[in-house]
C-alpha atoms as a PDB file:
ATOM      1  CA  UNK A   1      -0.273   0.104  -0.096  1.00  0.00           C
ATOM      2  CA  UNK A   2       1.588   3.276  -0.783  1.00  0.00           C
ATOM      3  CA  UNK A   3       1.899   5.568   1.898  1.00  0.00           C
ATOM      4  CA  UNK A   4       0.088   9.387   1.633  1.00  0.00           C
ATOM      5  CA  UNK A   5       2.855  11.898   1.137  1.00  0.00           C
ATOM      6  CA  UNK A   6       3.099  14.302   3.691  1.00  0.00           C
ATOM      7  CA  UNK A   7       2.827  18.086   3.414  1.00  0.00           C
ATOM      8  CA  UNK A   8       6.449  18.690   3.085  1.00  0.00           C
ATOM      9  CA  UNK A   9       6.807  15.832   0.845  1.00  0.00           C
ATOM     10  CA  UNK A  10       4.272  17.472  -1.599  1.00  0.00           C
ATOM     11  CA  UNK A  11       5.818  20.819  -1.079  1.00  0.00           C
ATOM     12  CA  UNK A  12       9.140  19.184  -2.082  1.00  0.00           C
ATOM     13  CA  UNK A  13       7.944  17.662  -5.209  1.00  0.00           C
ATOM     14  CA  UNK A  14       7.022  21.219  -6.581  1.00  0.00           C
ATOM     15  CA  UNK A  15      10.252  22.514  -6.990  1.00  0.00           C
ATOM     16  CA  UNK A  16      13.826  23.043  -5.681  1.00  0.00           C
ATOM     17  CA  UNK A  17      12.612  25.876  -3.701  1.00  0.00           C
ATOM     18  CA  UNK A  18      14.032  25.507  -0.111  1.00  0.00           C
ATOM     19  CA  UNK A  19      10.812  26.181   1.623  1.00  0.00           C
ATOM     20  CA  UNK A  20       9.591  24.119   4.659  1.00  0.00           C
ATOM     21  CA  UNK A  21       6.099  23.973   5.813  1.00  0.00           C
ATOM     22  CA  UNK A  22       7.000  25.160   9.277  1.00  0.00           C
ATOM     23  CA  UNK A  23       8.570  28.213   7.562  1.00  0.00           C
ATOM     24  CA  UNK A  24       5.130  29.228   6.031  1.00  0.00           C
ATOM     25  CA  UNK A  25       3.558  28.177   9.238  1.00  0.00           C
ATOM     26  CA  UNK A  26       5.614  30.767  11.155  1.00  0.00           C
ATOM     27  CA  UNK A  27       4.783  33.204   8.987  1.00  0.00           C
ATOM     28  CA  UNK A  28       1.024  33.084   8.964  1.00  0.00           C
ATOM     29  CA  UNK A  29       1.158  33.134  12.997  1.00  0.00           C
ATOM     30  CA  UNK A  30       3.238  35.965  12.910  1.00  0.00           C
ATOM     31  CA  UNK A  31       0.984  37.733  10.532  1.00  0.00           C
ATOM     32  CA  UNK A  32      -2.007  36.590  12.538  1.00  0.00           C
ATOM     33  CA  UNK A  33      -3.470  34.494   9.615  1.00  0.00           C
ATOM     34  CA  UNK A  34      -2.893  37.583   7.192  1.00  0.00           C
ATOM     35  CA  UNK A  35      -3.286  36.379   3.228  1.00  0.00           C
ATOM     36  CA  UNK A  36      -0.325  34.438   2.189  1.00  0.00           C
ATOM     37  CA  UNK A  37       2.183  36.741  -0.219  1.00  0.00           C
ATOM     38  CA  UNK A  38       4.629  35.886  -2.702  1.00  0.00           C
ATOM     39  CA  UNK A  39       6.283  32.714  -2.971  1.00  0.00           C
ATOM     40  CA  UNK A  40       4.256  31.044   0.026  1.00  0.00           C
ATOM     41  CA  UNK A  41       1.122  31.882  -1.799  1.00  0.00           C
ATOM     42  CA  UNK A  42       2.038  30.318  -5.161  1.00  0.00           C
ATOM     43  CA  UNK A  43       3.235  27.173  -3.289  1.00  0.00           C
ATOM     44  CA  UNK A  44      -0.166  27.079  -1.337  1.00  0.00           C
ATOM     45  CA  UNK A  45      -1.913  27.662  -4.420  1.00  0.00           C
ATOM     46  CA  UNK A  46       0.038  25.095  -6.288  1.00  0.00           C
ATOM     47  CA  UNK A  47      -0.181  22.474  -3.403  1.00  0.00           C
ATOM     48  CA  UNK A  48      -3.931  22.914  -2.929  1.00  0.00           C
ATOM     49  CA  UNK A  49      -4.526  22.950  -6.646  1.00  0.00           C
ATOM     50  CA  UNK A  50      -2.419  19.468  -6.843  1.00  0.00           C
ATOM     51  CA  UNK A  51      -4.577  17.901  -4.203  1.00  0.00           C
ATOM     52  CA  UNK A  52      -7.741  18.872  -6.052  1.00  0.00           C
ATOM     53  CA  UNK A  53      -6.082  17.638  -9.337  1.00  0.00           C
ATOM     54  CA  UNK A  54      -4.910  14.438  -7.912  1.00  0.00           C
ATOM     55  CA  UNK A  55      -1.318  15.003  -8.479  1.00  0.00           C
ATOM     56  CA  UNK A  56      -0.171  12.900  -5.645  1.00  0.00           C
ATOM     57  CA  UNK A  57      -2.698  10.018  -6.604  1.00  0.00           C
ATOM     58  CA  UNK A  58      -6.457   9.454  -7.088  1.00  0.00           C
ATOM     59  CA  UNK A  59      -8.134  10.229  -3.842  1.00  0.00           C
ATOM     60  CA  UNK A  60     -11.970  10.577  -2.831  1.00  0.00           C
ATOM     61  CA  UNK A  61     -13.565  13.915  -2.027  1.00  0.00           C
ATOM     62  CA  UNK A  62     -13.488  13.186   1.463  1.00  0.00           C
ATOM     63  CA  UNK A  63      -9.893  12.447   1.486  1.00  0.00           C
ATOM     64  CA  UNK A  64      -9.186  15.928  -0.484  1.00  0.00           C
ATOM     65  CA  UNK A  65     -11.016  17.839   2.101  1.00  0.00           C
ATOM     66  CA  UNK A  66      -9.209  15.868   4.848  1.00  0.00           C
ATOM     67  CA  UNK A  67      -6.067  17.381   3.261  1.00  0.00           C
ATOM     68  CA  UNK A  68      -7.066  20.702   3.000  1.00  0.00           C
ATOM     69  CA  UNK A  69      -8.276  20.907   6.373  1.00  0.00           C
ATOM     70  CA  UNK A  70      -4.684  19.674   7.568  1.00  0.00           C
ATOM     71  CA  UNK A  71      -3.287  22.389   5.482  1.00  0.00           C
ATOM     72  CA  UNK A  72      -5.663  25.060   6.840  1.00  0.00           C
ATOM     73  CA  UNK A  73      -4.788  23.726  10.557  1.00  0.00           C
ATOM     74  CA  UNK A  74      -0.679  24.224   9.425  1.00  0.00           C
ATOM     75  CA  UNK A  75      -1.046  27.486   7.568  1.00  0.00           C
ATOM     76  CA  UNK A  76      -4.330  29.190   9.039  1.00  0.00           C
ATOM     77  CA  UNK A  77      -5.586  31.779   6.860  1.00  0.00           C
ATOM     78  CA  UNK A  78      -8.227  32.619   3.896  1.00  0.00           C
ATOM     79  CA  UNK A  79      -5.459  31.571   1.290  1.00  0.00           C
ATOM     80  CA  UNK A  80      -5.840  28.210   2.295  1.00  0.00           C
ATOM     81  CA  UNK A  81      -9.626  27.975   3.558  1.00  0.00           C
ATOM     82  CA  UNK A  82     -10.480  29.271   0.110  1.00  0.00           C
ATOM     83  CA  UNK A  83     -10.120  26.054  -1.376  1.00  0.00           C
ATOM     84  CA  UNK A  84     -13.036  24.257   0.740  1.00  0.00           C
ATOM     85  CA  UNK A  85     -15.501  26.405  -1.289  1.00  0.00           C
ATOM     86  CA  UNK A  86     -13.689  25.197  -4.762  1.00  0.00           C
ATOM     87  CA  UNK A  87     -14.143  21.642  -3.542  1.00  0.00           C
ATOM     88  CA  UNK A  88     -18.045  22.236  -2.126  1.00  0.00           C
ATOM     89  CA  UNK A  89     -18.956  23.641  -5.655  1.00  0.00           C
ATOM     90  CA  UNK A  90     -17.486  20.426  -7.370  1.00  0.00           C
ATOM     91  CA  UNK A  91     -20.606  18.332  -6.712  1.00  0.00           C
ATOM     92  CA  UNK A  92     -19.391  16.503  -3.679  1.00  0.00           C
ATOM     93  CA  UNK A  93     -20.647  12.940  -2.386  1.00  0.00           C
ATOM     94  CA  UNK A  94     -22.969  12.957   0.352  1.00  0.00           C
ATOM     95  CA  UNK A  95     -20.574  11.789   2.845  1.00  0.00           C
ATOM     96  CA  UNK A  96     -18.012  14.078   1.690  1.00  0.00           C
ATOM     97  CA  UNK A  97     -20.469  16.874   2.388  1.00  0.00           C
ATOM     98  CA  UNK A  98     -21.116  15.699   5.891  1.00  0.00           C
ATOM     99  CA  UNK A  99     -17.680  15.455   6.752  1.00  0.00           C
ATOM    100  CA  UNK A 100     -17.339  19.193   5.527  1.00  0.00           C
ATOM    101  CA  UNK A 101     -19.749  20.482   7.944  1.00  0.00           C
ATOM    102  CA  UNK A 102     -18.551  18.242  10.906  1.00  0.00           C
ATOM    103  CA  UNK A 103     -15.045  19.392  10.448  1.00  0.00           C
ATOM    104  CA  UNK A 104     -15.902  23.352  10.173  1.00  0.00           C
ATOM    105  CA  UNK A 105     -18.020  22.754  13.431  1.00  0.00           C
ATOM    106  CA  UNK A 106     -15.075  20.900  15.101  1.00  0.00           C
ATOM    107  CA  UNK A 107     -13.057  24.009  13.825  1.00  0.00           C
ATOM    108  CA  UNK A 108     -15.515  26.350  15.613  1.00  0.00           C
ATOM    109  CA  UNK A 109     -15.996  24.530  18.663  1.00  0.00           C
ATOM    110  CA  UNK A 110     -12.542  23.325  19.666  1.00  0.00           C
ATOM    111  CA  UNK A 111      -9.758  24.519  17.643  1.00  0.00           C
ATOM    112  CA  UNK A 112      -7.238  27.666  18.207  1.00  0.00           C
ATOM    113  CA  UNK A 113      -8.207  31.262  17.034  1.00  0.00           C
ATOM    114  CA  UNK A 114      -6.307  31.314  13.861  1.00  0.00           C
ATOM    115  CA  UNK A 115      -7.802  28.020  12.430  1.00  0.00           C
ATOM    116  CA  UNK A 116     -11.324  29.271  13.969  1.00  0.00           C
ATOM    117  CA  UNK A 117     -11.227  32.524  12.377  1.00  0.00           C
ATOM    118  CA  UNK A 118     -10.086  31.240   9.018  1.00  0.00           C
ATOM    119  CA  UNK A 119     -13.221  28.733   9.010  1.00  0.00           C
ATOM    120  CA  UNK A 120     -15.536  31.523  10.303  1.00  0.00           C
ATOM    121  CA  UNK A 121     -14.142  34.290   7.512  1.00  0.00           C
ATOM    122  CA  UNK A 122     -14.461  31.458   4.526  1.00  0.00           C
ATOM    123  CA  UNK A 123     -18.329  30.429   5.765  1.00  0.00           C
ATOM    124  CA  UNK A 124     -19.268  34.179   5.574  1.00  0.00           C
ATOM    125  CA  UNK A 125     -17.514  35.113   2.527  1.00  0.00           C
ATOM    126  CA  UNK A 126     -18.120  32.070   0.259  1.00  0.00           C
ATOM    127  CA  UNK A 127     -20.732  29.596   1.806  1.00  0.00           C
ATOM    128  CA  UNK A 128     -23.172  32.153   3.293  1.00  0.00           C
ATOM    129  CA  UNK A 129     -22.848  35.274   0.664  1.00  0.00           C
ATOM    130  CA  UNK A 130     -23.212  32.993  -2.234  1.00  0.00           C
ATOM    131  CA  UNK A 131     -27.167  32.808  -2.266  1.00  0.00           C
ATOM    132  CA  UNK A 132     -26.970  29.878  -4.757  1.00  0.00           C
ATOM    133  CA  UNK A 133     -25.579  27.509  -1.870  1.00  0.00           C
ATOM    134  CA  UNK A 134     -26.239  29.810   1.531  1.00  0.00           C
ATOM    135  CA  UNK A 135     -29.364  28.133   2.344  1.00  0.00           C
ATOM    136  CA  UNK A 136     -28.313  24.481   1.874  1.00  0.00           C
ATOM    137  CA  UNK A 137     -24.862  25.189   3.747  1.00  0.00           C
ATOM    138  CA  UNK A 138     -26.668  26.587   6.701  1.00  0.00           C
ATOM    139  CA  UNK A 139     -29.160  23.838   6.474  1.00  0.00           C
ATOM    140  CA  UNK A 140     -26.151  21.187   6.483  1.00  0.00           C
ATOM    141  CA  UNK A 141     -24.548  22.723   9.649  1.00  0.00           C
ATOM    142  CA  UNK A 142     -27.486  23.036  11.464  1.00  0.00           C
ATOM    143  CA  UNK A 143     -28.557  18.958  10.519  1.00  0.00           C
ATOM    144  CA  UNK A 144     -24.784  18.344  11.823  1.00  0.00           C
ATOM    145  CA  UNK A 145     -25.683  19.617  15.399  1.00  0.00           C
ATOM    146  CA  UNK A 146     -23.407  22.195  16.318  1.00  0.00           C
ATOM    147  CA  UNK A 147     -22.392  22.477  19.860  1.00  0.00           C
ATOM    148  CA  UNK A 148     -23.352  25.610  21.957  1.00  0.00           C
ATOM    149  CA  UNK A 149     -19.832  27.484  20.950  1.00  0.00           C
ATOM    150  CA  UNK A 150     -20.054  26.794  17.313  1.00  0.00           C
ATOM    151  CA  UNK A 151     -23.647  27.387  16.893  1.00  0.00           C
ATOM    152  CA  UNK A 152     -22.842  30.894  18.291  1.00  0.00           C
ATOM    153  CA  UNK A 153     -20.205  31.785  16.118  1.00  0.00           C
ATOM    154  CA  UNK A 154     -22.273  30.407  13.082  1.00  0.00           C
ATOM    155  CA  UNK A 155     -25.330  32.891  14.237  1.00  0.00           C
ATOM    156  CA  UNK A 156     -22.650  35.681  14.747  1.00  0.00           C
ATOM    157  CA  UNK A 157     -21.213  35.250  11.076  1.00  0.00           C
ATOM    158  CA  UNK A 158     -24.563  34.324   9.164  1.00  0.00           C
ATOM    159  CA  UNK A 159     -25.265  37.752   7.951  1.00  0.00           C
ATOM    160  CA  UNK A 160     -26.052  36.681   4.643  1.00  0.00           C
ATOM    161  CA  UNK A 161     -28.241  33.791   5.628  1.00  0.00           C
ATOM    162  CA  UNK A 162     -31.653  34.095   4.664  1.00  0.00           C
ATOM    163  CA  UNK A 163     -33.185  35.632   7.578  1.00  0.00           C
ATOM    164  CA  UNK A 164     -35.981  33.205   7.642  1.00  0.00           C
ATOM    165  CA  UNK A 165     -33.523  30.281   7.895  1.00  0.00           C
ATOM    166  CA  UNK A 166     -32.409  31.704  11.595  1.00  0.00           C
ATOM    167  CA  UNK A 167     -35.356  33.223  12.816  1.00  0.00           C
ATOM    168  CA  UNK A 168     -36.344  30.425  15.109  1.00  0.00           C
ATOM    169  CA  UNK A 169     -32.798  30.116  16.251  1.00  0.00           C
ATOM    170  CA  UNK A 170     -32.935  33.973  17.502  1.00  0.00           C
ATOM    171  CA  UNK A 171     -36.129  33.234  18.984  1.00  0.00           C
ATOM    172  CA  UNK A 172     -34.562  30.550  21.228  1.00  0.00           C
ATOM    173  CA  UNK A 173     -32.150  32.705  22.301  1.00  0.00           C
ATOM    174  CA  UNK A 174     -34.520  35.366  23.285  1.00  0.00           C
ATOM    175  CA  UNK A 175     -36.081  33.095  25.811  1.00  0.00           C
ATOM    176  CA  UNK A 176     -32.867  32.920  27.722  1.00  0.00           C
ATOM    177  CA  UNK A 177     -31.828  36.233  28.977  1.00  0.00           C
ATOM    178  CA  UNK A 178     -28.387  35.239  29.445  1.00  0.00           C
ATOM    179  CA  UNK A 179     -28.216  34.797  25.504  1.00  0.00           C
ATOM    180  CA  UNK A 180     -29.361  38.089  25.116  1.00  0.00           C
ATOM    181  CA  UNK A 181     -26.215  39.779  24.363  1.00  0.00           C
ATOM    182  CA  UNK A 182     -25.122  37.149  21.694  1.00  0.00           C
ATOM    183  CA  UNK A 183     -28.724  37.787  20.132  1.00  0.00           C
ATOM    184  CA  UNK A 184     -27.833  41.700  20.098  1.00  0.00           C
ATOM    185  CA  UNK A 185     -24.433  40.923  18.421  1.00  0.00           C
ATOM    186  CA  UNK A 186     -26.287  38.694  15.945  1.00  0.00           C
ATOM    187  CA  UNK A 187     -29.077  40.865  15.124  1.00  0.00           C
ATOM    188  CA  UNK A 188     -26.409  44.094  14.475  1.00  0.00           C
ATOM    189  CA  UNK A 189     -24.221  42.085  12.473  1.00  0.00           C
ATOM    190  CA  UNK A 190     -26.935  41.051  10.281  1.00  0.00           C
ATOM    191  CA  UNK A 191     -28.223  44.571  10.099  1.00  0.00           C
ATOM    192  CA  UNK A 192     -24.457  45.626   9.080  1.00  0.00           C
ATOM    193  CA  UNK A 193     -23.521  43.161   6.783  1.00  0.00           C
ATOM    194  CA  UNK A 194     -23.723  44.256   3.196  1.00  0.00           C
ATOM    195  CA  UNK A 195     -25.404  41.229   2.088  1.00  0.00           C
ATOM    196  CA  UNK A 196     -27.405  40.760   5.082  1.00  0.00           C
ATOM    197  CA  UNK A 197     -30.906  39.923   5.152  1.00  0.00           C
ATOM    198  CA  UNK A 198     -33.050  41.099   7.894  1.00  0.00           C
ATOM    199  CA  UNK A 199     -36.758  40.932   8.949  1.00  0.00           C
ATOM    200  CA  UNK A 200     -37.309  44.526  10.440  1.00  0.00           C
ATOM    201  CA  UNK A 201     -40.325  43.851  12.072  1.00  0.00           C
ATOM    202  CA  UNK A 202     -39.159  40.545  13.550  1.00  0.00           C
ATOM    203  CA  UNK A 203     -35.918  42.052  14.493  1.00  0.00           C
ATOM    204  CA  UNK A 204     -37.702  45.135  16.200  1.00  0.00           C
ATOM    205  CA  UNK A 205     -40.091  42.490  18.083  1.00  0.00           C
ATOM    206  CA  UNK A 206     -36.779  40.808  19.420  1.00  0.00           C
ATOM    207  CA  UNK A 207     -35.167  44.204  20.099  1.00  0.00           C
ATOM    208  CA  UNK A 208     -38.030  45.198  22.398  1.00  0.00           C
ATOM    209  CA  UNK A 209     -37.650  42.301  24.527  1.00  0.00           C
ATOM    210  CA  UNK A 210     -33.805  42.213  24.855  1.00  0.00           C
ATOM    211  CA  UNK A 211     -32.722  42.880  28.555  1.00  0.00           C
ATOM    212  CA  UNK A 212     -29.405  44.760  27.928  1.00  0.00           C
ATOM    213  CA  UNK A 213     -27.777  47.585  29.245  1.00  0.00           C
ATOM    214  CA  UNK A 214     -27.796  50.887  27.407  1.00  0.00           C
ATOM    215  CA  UNK A 215     -24.061  50.812  27.200  1.00  0.00           C
ATOM    216  CA  UNK A 216     -24.045  47.699  25.024  1.00  0.00           C
ATOM    217  CA  UNK A 217     -22.925  48.648  21.695  1.00  0.00           C
ATOM    218  CA  UNK A 218     -24.771  46.178  19.819  1.00  0.00           C
ATOM    219  CA  UNK A 219     -28.008  47.412  21.576  1.00  0.00           C
ATOM    220  CA  UNK A 220     -27.151  50.924  20.579  1.00  0.00           C
ATOM    221  CA  UNK A 221     -26.519  49.971  17.349  1.00  0.00           C
ATOM    222  CA  UNK A 222     -29.686  48.335  16.519  1.00  0.00           C
ATOM    223  CA  UNK A 223     -31.710  51.041  18.507  1.00  0.00           C
ATOM    224  CA  UNK A 224     -30.256  53.698  16.227  1.00  0.00           C
ATOM    225  CA  UNK A 225     -30.517  51.623  12.947  1.00  0.00           C
ATOM    226  CA  UNK A 226     -32.939  49.423  12.944  1.00  0.00           C
END
């Protein structure tokens, strides 16, 4: 059985560039998850594209996703995470799609900040803003039963998701005063999002029932703009 190449072995196969995977990892973390630049950007692009095109051997969709997630964990930034929607739009198998949502929820629930933020950002700008896949992505994530922390992060970043798909989640938060600050942030980010969808009547109904101090910045924004 042929062993799967490591990320470093795949990098080495791309040419005599003298770059180590840890070099890129250190750069990403020093730049707080910033977009890769120059040679690092080119190597990441060639590496991820090579996985998608099966340069290092035939792979299932699930295995391609697994390798991309491994790279995102090593180099947590949008440059790497942007290959997830590429794969998603390539007609994934049902099993691979379920795996995608599960891994994203794991990232939102458990992993370090840069990895979590890379997944949050790609969800927001690629999965949720694209209205052709937004509702399906949202439903897939919800069916995968997110934990409390992951669900909160999803709701905060779900501005472009159709409001009707989020409405009952908002009203669940409304029932618990401890969740009112989270709910105010969710509504404020939805209202402020360039592609946000908000039901102003329902949001006003919620706003009038929030028990939050007037010094809360999200509450203040909602009162002034909703």
